[in-house]
Structure formats: structure tokens, C-alpha cells
Protein backbone atom coordinates (compact mmCIF):
# COMPACT_ATOMS: atom_id res chain seq x y z
CA GLY A 1 1.47 -2.61 7.45
CA HIS A 2 -0.23 -0.31 9.95
CA VAL A 3 -2.19 1.69 7.36
CA ALA A 4 -3.23 -1.56 5.69
CA ASP A 5 -4.51 -2.95 9.01
CA ILE A 6 -6.53 0.19 9.69
CA ALA A 7 -7.85 0.25 6.13
CA ARG A 8 -8.91 -3.38 6.40
CA GLY A 9 -10.82 -2.63 9.59
CA LEU A 10 -12.43 0.45 8.08
CA LEU A 11 -13.20 -0.92 4.65
CA ALA A 12 -14.73 -4.10 6.02
CA PRO A 13 -16.35 -3.10 9.29
CA VAL A 14 -18.54 -5.91 10.51
CA PRO A 15 -22.09 -4.54 10.24
CA GLY A 16 -23.45 -3.73 13.65
CA THR A 17 -20.07 -4.00 15.38
CA LEU A 18 -20.59 -2.74 18.91
CA CYS A 19 -18.23 -0.97 21.27
CA GLY A 20 -16.91 -3.46 23.80
CA ARG A 21 -17.31 -0.89 26.58
CA HIS A 22 -20.65 0.78 25.83
CA ARG A 23 -22.40 -1.71 23.49
CA GLU A 24 -22.98 1.18 21.06
CA PRO A 25 -22.33 0.98 17.30
CA LEU A 26 -18.79 1.97 16.25
CA GLN A 27 -19.54 4.79 13.82
CA LEU A 28 -16.69 7.21 14.48
CA PHE A 29 -12.95 7.21 13.84
CA CYS A 30 -10.41 8.98 16.05
CA ARG A 31 -7.58 10.36 13.91
CA GLU A 32 -5.14 10.66 16.82
CA GLU A 33 -5.56 7.14 18.17
CA ARG A 34 -6.51 5.60 14.83
CA VAL A 35 -9.32 3.59 16.37
CA LEU A 36 -13.04 3.19 15.78
CA LEU A 37 -15.22 4.69 18.50
CA CYS A 38 -18.84 4.82 19.52
CA LEU A 39 -20.56 8.11 20.34
CA VAL A 40 -20.03 7.60 24.08
CA CYS A 41 -16.28 6.94 23.62
CA ALA A 42 -15.97 10.02 21.42
CA ARG A 43 -17.41 12.21 24.17
CA SER A 44 -15.23 10.66 26.85
CA ARG A 45 -12.28 12.51 28.38
CA LEU A 46 -9.93 10.27 26.43
CA HIS A 47 -10.98 11.42 22.95
CA ARG A 48 -12.80 14.69 23.63
CA LEU A 49 -9.92 16.83 22.34
CA HIS A 50 -9.12 14.54 19.42
CA ARG A 51 -10.25 14.95 15.83
CA VAL A 52 -13.10 12.48 15.46
CA VAL A 53 -14.75 11.92 12.07
CA PRO A 54 -17.47 9.59 10.78
CA ALA A 55 -16.05 6.14 10.06
CA GLU A 56 -17.28 6.26 6.43
CA GLU A 57 -15.38 9.50 5.82
CA ALA A 58 -12.18 8.02 7.23
CA ALA A 59 -12.66 4.85 5.17
CA GLN A 60 -13.02 6.94 2.01
CA GLU A 61 -9.77 8.80 2.78
CA PHE A 62 -7.88 5.55 3.40
CA LYS A 63 -9.29 4.14 0.16
CA GLU A 64 -7.93 7.17 -1.71
CA GLN A 65 -4.53 6.88 0.02
CA ILE A 66 -4.32 3.22 -0.89
CA GLN A 67 -5.35 3.92 -4.50
CA SER A 68 -2.61 6.52 -4.90
CA CYS A 69 -0.01 4.16 -3.37
CA LEU A 70 -1.06 1.42 -5.78
CA GLN A 71 -0.91 3.86 -8.70
CA ALA A 72 2.63 4.92 -7.74
CA LEU A 73 3.74 1.29 -7.46
CA LYS A 74 2.26 0.49 -10.85
CA GLU A 75 4.16 3.38 -12.45
CA GLU A 76 7.41 2.32 -10.75
CA ARG A 77 6.94 -1.20 -12.05
CA GLU A 78 6.29 -0.01 -15.61
CA LYS A 79 9.42 2.19 -15.53
CA TYR A 80 11.44 -0.74 -14.23
CA LEU A 81 10.17 -3.08 -16.95
CA GLU A 82 10.88 -0.44 -19.62
CA SER A 83 14.45 0.06 -18.41
CA ARG A 84 15.01 -3.71 -18.43
CA LYS A 85 13.73 -3.95 -22.01
CA SER A 86 15.98 -1.17 -23.29
CA GLY A 87 18.90 -2.64 -21.36
CA ALA A 88 18.32 -6.02 -23.01
CA ARG A 89 18.30 -4.41 -26.46
CA ARG A 90 21.62 -2.68 -25.80
CA SER A 91 23.33 -5.87 -24.72
CA LEU A 92 22.43 -7.70 -27.98
């Protein structure tokens, strides 16, 4: 659930979303806190030592993570359906 929530926020950022504190655009993503930041937040004491990356870069990574999860689920499902088919043939 948590990754999905983050991904949703990253993949569909509202254009021109501003930081509630500094009224600056949220263009950065803090890997430690898993939150979107503005440039001022990123330089603050709170996040200064954290790994901060451009929001687009983080969104791309989450997209890839989600794609590979979906791919794995699809393969699981196909295996499951195959095993059910062969099981049905045996029982006839």
C-alpha cells in the first residue's frame, strides 16, 4: 500500500503543486522520508543529510518497480492457471 501511495503522488503530481511551508514548487524527492520537497526544504537541517533526487527521477524508479511487480504477478497467475488446467486433465 505504501509504495502505491507514494507512486500515485509521484506519477500524478498536481502541476505547480507548492510547498505548504515555503510556497515553492515541489520538485525534489527525499529518499529517507519518502516525501516531496521544495528546494528550500531540501536545504533545511531536516533533509540536508538525506539523499534527495529530482522528483521525475524518483517517479521513473517507482514506475519501474511497479512494472516489475506487475510482471511477477502476471507470471504467477499464468503458472497458477496452467497448474489448474493440468490438474483438471488428470482428474478426468
